[in-house]
PDB file of N, CA and C in Angstrom:
ATOM      1  N   MET A   1     -28.402   2.197 -17.231  1.00  0.00           N
ATOM      2  CA  MET A   1     -28.509   2.290 -15.799  1.00  0.00           C
ATOM      3  C   MET A   1     -28.817   3.740 -15.432  1.00  0.00           C
ATOM      4  N   SER A   2     -29.568   3.905 -14.376  1.00  0.00           N
ATOM      5  CA  SER A   2     -29.865   5.253 -13.911  1.00  0.00           C
ATOM      6  C   SER A   2     -28.672   5.792 -13.122  1.00  0.00           C
ATOM      7  N   ILE A   3     -28.731   7.066 -12.780  1.00  0.00           N
ATOM      8  CA  ILE A   3     -27.671   7.675 -11.979  1.00  0.00           C
ATOM      9  C   ILE A   3     -27.592   6.980 -10.619  1.00  0.00           C
ATOM     10  N   LEU A   4     -28.741   6.707 -10.009  1.00  0.00           N
ATOM     11  CA  LEU A   4     -28.764   6.048  -8.704  1.00  0.00           C
ATOM     12  C   LEU A   4     -28.156   4.650  -8.771  1.00  0.00           C
ATOM     13  N   GLU A   5     -28.496   3.888  -9.792  1.00  0.00           N
ATOM     14  CA  GLU A   5     -27.938   2.546  -9.951  1.00  0.00           C
ATOM     15  C   GLU A   5     -26.425   2.606 -10.170  1.00  0.00           C
ATOM     16  N   THR A   6     -25.975   3.604 -10.918  1.00  0.00           N
ATOM     17  CA  THR A   6     -24.543   3.783 -11.152  1.00  0.00           C
ATOM     18  C   THR A   6     -23.830   4.129  -9.854  1.00  0.00           C
ATOM     19  N   CYS A   7     -24.450   4.983  -9.047  1.00  0.00           N
ATOM     20  CA  CYS A   7     -23.880   5.340  -7.744  1.00  0.00           C
ATOM     21  C   CYS A   7     -23.713   4.098  -6.870  1.00  0.00           C
ATOM     22  N   GLN A   8     -24.726   3.269  -6.844  1.00  0.00           N
ATOM     23  CA  GLN A   8     -24.665   2.058  -6.023  1.00  0.00           C
ATOM     24  C   GLN A   8     -23.624   1.081  -6.554  1.00  0.00           C
ATOM     25  N   LEU A   9     -23.516   0.958  -7.856  1.00  0.00           N
ATOM     26  CA  LEU A   9     -22.554   0.039  -8.458  1.00  0.00           C
ATOM     27  C   LEU A   9     -21.121   0.473  -8.184  1.00  0.00           C
ATOM     28  N   LEU A  10     -20.843   1.772  -8.370  1.00  0.00           N
ATOM     29  CA  LEU A  10     -19.489   2.282  -8.237  1.00  0.00           C
ATOM     30  C   LEU A  10     -19.144   2.722  -6.822  1.00  0.00           C
ATOM     31  N   GLY A  11     -20.153   2.895  -5.981  1.00  0.00           N
ATOM     32  CA  GLY A  11     -19.898   3.365  -4.629  1.00  0.00           C
ATOM     33  C   GLY A  11     -19.524   4.830  -4.587  1.00  0.00           C
ATOM     34  N   LEU A  12     -20.082   5.614  -5.503  1.00  0.00           N
ATOM     35  CA  LEU A  12     -19.788   7.037  -5.600  1.00  0.00           C
ATOM     36  C   LEU A  12     -21.049   7.851  -5.358  1.00  0.00           C
ATOM     37  N   SER A  13     -20.873   9.133  -5.093  1.00  0.00           N
ATOM     38  CA  SER A  13     -22.020  10.005  -4.891  1.00  0.00           C
ATOM     39  C   SER A  13     -22.595  10.449  -6.226  1.00  0.00           C
ATOM     40  N   ARG A  14     -23.829  10.958  -6.177  1.00  0.00           N
ATOM     41  CA  ARG A  14     -24.470  11.475  -7.400  1.00  0.00           C
ATOM     42  C   ARG A  14     -23.654  12.615  -7.993  1.00  0.00           C
ATOM     43  N   TRP A  15     -23.127  13.493  -7.124  1.00  0.00           N
ATOM     44  CA  TRP A  15     -22.340  14.636  -7.622  1.00  0.00           C
ATOM     45  C   TRP A  15     -21.090  14.175  -8.351  1.00  0.00           C
ATOM     46  N   THR A  16     -20.457  13.125  -7.865  1.00  0.00           N
ATOM     47  CA  THR A  16     -19.265  12.596  -8.531  1.00  0.00           C
ATOM     48  C   THR A  16     -19.623  12.036  -9.901  1.00  0.00           C
ATOM     49  N   ILE A  17     -20.748  11.336  -9.992  1.00  0.00           N
ATOM     50  CA  ILE A  17     -21.203  10.812 -11.286  1.00  0.00           C
ATOM     51  C   ILE A  17     -21.496  11.962 -12.238  1.00  0.00           C
ATOM     52  N   TRP A  18     -22.185  12.994 -11.760  1.00  0.00           N
ATOM     53  CA  TRP A  18     -22.500  14.140 -12.620  1.00  0.00           C
ATOM     54  C   TRP A  18     -21.234  14.855 -13.085  1.00  0.00           C
ATOM     55  N   ARG A  19     -20.249  14.992 -12.196  1.00  0.00           N
ATOM     56  CA  ARG A  19     -18.976  15.624 -12.604  1.00  0.00           C
ATOM     57  C   ARG A  19     -18.294  14.792 -13.677  1.00  0.00           C
ATOM     58  N   ALA A  20     -18.310  13.459 -13.535  1.00  0.00           N
ATOM     59  CA  ALA A  20     -17.695  12.586 -14.534  1.00  0.00           C
ATOM     60  C   ALA A  20     -18.415  12.696 -15.873  1.00  0.00           C
ATOM     61  N   ILE A  21     -19.720  12.868 -15.857  1.00  0.00           N
ATOM     62  CA  ILE A  21     -20.472  13.057 -17.104  1.00  0.00           C
ATOM     63  C   ILE A  21     -20.108  14.411 -17.718  1.00  0.00           C
ATOM     64  N   ARG A  22     -20.018  15.441 -16.894  1.00  0.00           N
ATOM     65  CA  ARG A  22     -19.733  16.791 -17.381  1.00  0.00           C
ATOM     66  C   ARG A  22     -18.364  16.893 -18.053  1.00  0.00           C
ATOM     67  N   VAL A  23     -17.357  16.172 -17.524  1.00  0.00           N
ATOM     68  CA  VAL A  23     -16.011  16.226 -18.108  1.00  0.00           C
ATOM     69  C   VAL A  23     -15.766  15.078 -19.096  1.00  0.00           C
ATOM     70  N   ASN A  24     -16.845  14.411 -19.495  1.00  0.00           N
ATOM     71  CA  ASN A  24     -16.813  13.338 -20.501  1.00  0.00           C
ATOM     72  C   ASN A  24     -16.007  12.119 -20.084  1.00  0.00           C
ATOM     73  N   GLU A  25     -15.908  11.847 -18.788  1.00  0.00           N
ATOM     74  CA  GLU A  25     -15.320  10.590 -18.343  1.00  0.00           C
ATOM     75  C   GLU A  25     -16.344   9.469 -18.455  1.00  0.00           C
ATOM     76  N   LEU A  26     -17.620   9.818 -18.314  1.00  0.00           N
ATOM     77  CA  LEU A  26     -18.720   8.879 -18.496  1.00  0.00           C
ATOM     78  C   LEU A  26     -19.641   9.416 -19.578  1.00  0.00           C
ATOM     79  N   THR A  27     -20.159   8.517 -20.399  1.00  0.00           N
ATOM     80  CA  THR A  27     -21.078   8.905 -21.455  1.00  0.00           C
ATOM     81  C   THR A  27     -22.498   8.609 -21.000  1.00  0.00           C
ATOM     82  N   ALA A  28     -23.351   9.622 -21.083  1.00  0.00           N
ATOM     83  CA  ALA A  28     -24.743   9.455 -20.665  1.00  0.00           C
ATOM     84  C   ALA A  28     -25.658  10.016 -21.745  1.00  0.00           C
ATOM     85  N   ILE A  29     -26.890   9.511 -21.778  1.00  0.00           N
ATOM     86  CA  ILE A  29     -27.892  10.039 -22.705  1.00  0.00           C
ATOM     87  C   ILE A  29     -29.132  10.422 -21.902  1.00  0.00           C
ATOM     88  N   LYS A  30     -29.865  11.369 -22.423  1.00  0.00           N
ATOM     89  CA  LYS A  30     -31.112  11.793 -21.801  1.00  0.00           C
ATOM     90  C   LYS A  30     -32.269  11.094 -22.494  1.00  0.00           C
ATOM     91  N   VAL A  31     -33.151  10.500 -21.708  1.00  0.00           N
ATOM     92  CA  VAL A  31     -34.379   9.902 -22.212  1.00  0.00           C
ATOM     93  C   VAL A  31     -35.500  10.585 -21.444  1.00  0.00           C
ATOM     94  N   GLY A  32     -36.119  11.557 -22.092  1.00  0.00           N
ATOM     95  CA  GLY A  32     -37.101  12.367 -21.387  1.00  0.00           C
ATOM     96  C   GLY A  32     -36.402  13.167 -20.317  1.00  0.00           C
ATOM     97  N   ARG A  33     -36.812  12.961 -19.071  1.00  0.00           N
ATOM     98  CA  ARG A  33     -36.179  13.662 -17.955  1.00  0.00           C
ATOM     99  C   ARG A  33     -35.101  12.819 -17.278  1.00  0.00           C
ATOM    100  N   ARG A  34     -34.975  11.563 -17.689  1.00  0.00           N
ATOM    101  CA  ARG A  34     -34.012  10.659 -17.060  1.00  0.00           C
ATOM    102  C   ARG A  34     -32.673  10.682 -17.781  1.00  0.00           C
ATOM    103  N   THR A  35     -31.624  10.481 -17.023  1.00  0.00           N
ATOM    104  CA  THR A  35     -30.280  10.336 -17.575  1.00  0.00           C
ATOM    105  C   THR A  35     -29.886   8.880 -17.421  1.00  0.00           C
ATOM    106  N   ILE A  36     -29.459   8.281 -18.518  1.00  0.00           N
ATOM    107  CA  ILE A  36     -29.159   6.854 -18.568  1.00  0.00           C
ATOM    108  C   ILE A  36     -27.698   6.659 -18.965  1.00  0.00           C
ATOM    109  N   LEU A  37     -27.046   5.716 -18.307  1.00  0.00           N
ATOM    110  CA  LEU A  37     -25.675   5.347 -18.643  1.00  0.00           C
ATOM    111  C   LEU A  37     -25.667   3.889 -19.076  1.00  0.00           C
ATOM    112  N   LYS A  38     -24.910   3.577 -20.128  1.00  0.00           N
ATOM    113  CA  LYS A  38     -24.821   2.200 -20.605  1.00  0.00           C
ATOM    114  C   LYS A  38     -23.850   1.419 -19.730  1.00  0.00           C
ATOM    115  N   ARG A  39     -24.249   0.241 -19.348  1.00  0.00           N
ATOM    116  CA  ARG A  39     -23.389  -0.610 -18.512  1.00  0.00           C
ATOM    117  C   ARG A  39     -22.098  -0.955 -19.257  1.00  0.00           C
ATOM    118  N   ALA A  40     -22.185  -1.117 -20.579  1.00  0.00           N
ATOM    119  CA  ALA A  40     -20.997  -1.433 -21.378  1.00  0.00           C
ATOM    120  C   ALA A  40     -19.968  -0.314 -21.284  1.00  0.00           C
ATOM    121  N   ASN A  41     -20.427   0.948 -21.227  1.00  0.00           N
ATOM    122  CA  ASN A  41     -19.496   2.076 -21.092  1.00  0.00           C
ATOM    123  C   ASN A  41     -18.808   2.057 -19.734  1.00  0.00           C
ATOM    124  N   LEU A  42     -19.533   1.670 -18.696  1.00  0.00           N
ATOM    125  CA  LEU A  42     -18.925   1.568 -17.366  1.00  0.00           C
ATOM    126  C   LEU A  42     -17.886   0.448 -17.342  1.00  0.00           C
ATOM    127  N   ASP A  43     -18.193  -0.667 -18.003  1.00  0.00           N
ATOM    128  CA  ASP A  43     -17.234  -1.772 -18.063  1.00  0.00           C
ATOM    129  C   ASP A  43     -15.974  -1.364 -18.814  1.00  0.00           C
ATOM    130  N   LYS A  44     -16.129  -0.594 -19.899  1.00  0.00           N
ATOM    131  CA  LYS A  44     -14.971  -0.106 -20.653  1.00  0.00           C
ATOM    132  C   LYS A  44     -14.112   0.818 -19.799  1.00  0.00           C
ATOM    133  N   LEU A  45     -14.766   1.606 -18.949  1.00  0.00           N
ATOM    134  CA  LEU A  45     -14.035   2.516 -18.073  1.00  0.00           C
ATOM    135  C   LEU A  45     -13.077   1.743 -17.175  1.00  0.00           C
ATOM    136  N   PHE A  46     -13.523   0.598 -16.657  1.00  0.00           N
ATOM    137  CA  PHE A  46     -12.667  -0.210 -15.800  1.00  0.00           C
ATOM    138  C   PHE A  46     -11.592  -0.938 -16.590  1.00  0.00           C
ATOM    139  N   GLU A  47     -11.875  -1.310 -17.822  1.00  0.00           N
ATOM    140  CA  GLU A  47     -10.873  -1.981 -18.641  1.00  0.00           C
ATOM    141  C   GLU A  47      -9.753  -1.024 -19.027  1.00  0.00           C
ATOM    142  N   GLN A  48     -10.082   0.252 -19.247  1.00  0.00           N
ATOM    143  CA  GLN A  48      -9.096   1.234 -19.667  1.00  0.00           C
ATOM    144  C   GLN A  48      -8.281   1.789 -18.507  1.00  0.00           C
ATOM    145  N   SER A  49      -8.817   1.732 -17.303  1.00  0.00           N
ATOM    146  CA  SER A  49      -8.154   2.386 -16.184  1.00  0.00           C
ATOM    147  C   SER A  49      -6.870   1.662 -15.810  1.00  0.00           C
ATOM    148  N   GLN A  50      -5.902   2.442 -15.393  1.00  0.00           N
ATOM    149  CA  GLN A  50      -4.627   1.923 -14.943  1.00  0.00           C
ATOM    150  C   GLN A  50      -4.632   1.921 -13.410  1.00  0.00           C
ATOM    151  N   PRO A  51      -4.009   0.948 -12.793  1.00  0.00           N
ATOM    152  CA  PRO A  51      -3.961   0.947 -11.335  1.00  0.00           C
ATOM    153  C   PRO A  51      -3.138   2.125 -10.820  1.00  0.00           C
ATOM    154  N   LEU A  52      -3.561   2.641  -9.689  1.00  0.00           N
ATOM    155  CA  LEU A  52      -2.836   3.744  -9.089  1.00  0.00           C
ATOM    156  C   LEU A  52      -1.568   3.226  -8.432  1.00  0.00           C
ATOM    157  N   VAL A  53      -0.483   3.947  -8.637  1.00  0.00           N
ATOM    158  CA  VAL A  53       0.783   3.580  -8.025  1.00  0.00           C
ATOM    159  C   VAL A  53       1.101   4.650  -6.999  1.00  0.00           C
ATOM    160  N   THR A  54       1.262   4.231  -5.771  1.00  0.00           N
ATOM    161  CA  THR A  54       1.586   5.187  -4.722  1.00  0.00           C
ATOM    162  C   THR A  54       3.047   5.047  -4.345  1.00  0.00           C
ATOM    163  N   ASN A  55       3.662   6.165  -4.096  1.00  0.00           N
ATOM    164  CA  ASN A  55       5.048   6.176  -3.639  1.00  0.00           C
ATOM    165  C   ASN A  55       5.045   6.172  -2.125  1.00  0.00           C
ATOM    166  N   LYS A  56       5.619   5.154  -1.555  1.00  0.00           N
ATOM    167  CA  LYS A  56       5.708   5.079  -0.107  1.00  0.00           C
ATOM    168  C   LYS A  56       7.049   5.655   0.318  1.00  0.00           C
ATOM    169  N   ILE A  57       6.982   6.644   1.175  1.00  0.00           N
ATOM    170  CA  ILE A  57       8.194   7.291   1.676  1.00  0.00           C
ATOM    171  C   ILE A  57       8.553   6.624   2.998  1.00  0.00           C
ATOM    172  N   LYS A  58       9.751   6.140   3.077  1.00  0.00           N
ATOM    173  CA  LYS A  58      10.194   5.511   4.308  1.00  0.00           C
ATOM    174  C   LYS A  58      10.468   6.597   5.338  1.00  0.00           C
ATOM    175  N   SER A  59       9.985   6.407   6.542  1.00  0.00           N
ATOM    176  CA  SER A  59      10.124   7.432   7.575  1.00  0.00           C
ATOM    177  C   SER A  59      11.579   7.660   7.958  1.00  0.00           C
ATOM    178  N   ALA A  60      12.428   6.663   7.771  1.00  0.00           N
ATOM    179  CA  ALA A  60      13.833   6.824   8.123  1.00  0.00           C
ATOM    180  C   ALA A  60      14.553   7.747   7.156  1.00  0.00           C
ATOM    181  N   SER A  61      14.097   7.826   5.926  1.00  0.00           N
ATOM    182  CA  SER A  61      14.791   8.639   4.940  1.00  0.00           C
ATOM    183  C   SER A  61      14.332  10.098   4.939  1.00  0.00           C
ATOM    184  N   VAL A  62      13.228  10.399   5.619  1.00  0.00           N
ATOM    185  CA  VAL A  62      12.705  11.753   5.649  1.00  0.00           C
ATOM    186  C   VAL A  62      12.813  12.294   7.069  1.00  0.00           C
ATOM    187  N   GLN A  63      13.475  13.421   7.215  1.00  0.00           N
ATOM    188  CA  GLN A  63      13.574  14.047   8.518  1.00  0.00           C
ATOM    189  C   GLN A  63      12.820  15.357   8.481  1.00  0.00           C
ATOM    190  N   ILE A  64      11.962  15.555   9.465  1.00  0.00           N
ATOM    191  CA  ILE A  64      11.158  16.763   9.524  1.00  0.00           C
ATOM    192  C   ILE A  64      11.676  17.639  10.647  1.00  0.00           C
ATOM    193  N   SER A  65      11.921  18.855  10.329  1.00  0.00           N
ATOM    194  CA  SER A  65      12.388  19.821  11.318  1.00  0.00           C
ATOM    195  C   SER A  65      11.200  20.322  12.131  1.00  0.00           C
ATOM    196  N   ILE A  66      11.413  20.647  13.384  1.00  0.00           N
ATOM    197  CA  ILE A  66      10.352  21.161  14.226  1.00  0.00           C
ATOM    198  C   ILE A  66       9.849  22.509  13.709  1.00  0.00           C
ATOM    199  N   ASP A  67      10.677  23.232  12.969  1.00  0.00           N
ATOM    200  CA  ASP A  67      10.279  24.515  12.387  1.00  0.00           C
ATOM    201  C   ASP A  67       9.250  24.343  11.280  1.00  0.00           C
ATOM    202  N   ASP A  68       9.158  23.142  10.713  1.00  0.00           N
ATOM    203  CA  ASP A  68       8.201  22.859   9.640  1.00  0.00           C
ATOM    204  C   ASP A  68       6.856  22.390  10.167  1.00  0.00           C
ATOM    205  N   CYS A  69       6.697  22.296  11.485  1.00  0.00           N
ATOM    206  CA  CYS A  69       5.481  21.762  12.089  1.00  0.00           C
ATOM    207  C   CYS A  69       4.678  22.888  12.773  1.00  0.00           C
ATOM    208  N   TYR A  70       3.406  22.642  12.926  1.00  0.00           N
ATOM    209  CA  TYR A  70       2.531  23.555  13.661  1.00  0.00           C
ATOM    210  C   TYR A  70       2.473  23.118  15.109  1.00  0.00           C
ATOM    211  N   THR A  71       2.387  24.072  15.999  1.00  0.00           N
ATOM    212  CA  THR A  71       2.196  23.767  17.417  1.00  0.00           C
ATOM    213  C   THR A  71       0.997  24.546  17.931  1.00  0.00           C
ATOM    214  N   LEU A  72       0.514  24.166  19.100  1.00  0.00           N
ATOM    215  CA  LEU A  72      -0.622  24.855  19.691  1.00  0.00           C
ATOM    216  C   LEU A  72      -0.215  26.119  20.435  1.00  0.00           C
ATOM    217  N   SER A  73       1.038  26.276  20.732  1.00  0.00           N
ATOM    218  CA  SER A  73       1.456  27.475  21.474  1.00  0.00           C
ATOM    219  C   SER A  73       1.731  28.650  20.553  1.00  0.00           C
TER     220      SER A  73
END
């Protein structure tokens, strides 16, 4: 797949794809002037990924002091 096709598939920008290639999160090969990514490598990326776990903080348990906030005055 080309970089553009990968962007459309993943919903990411070209710069994000290039950064992932640079840090070896995605494997790409050069064919002439084109950069190609194997669809199988993209599928493996999704198989290996772990779901993100977010910690939800209950608003009742956290109290914010007015001194910790910004004001316009």
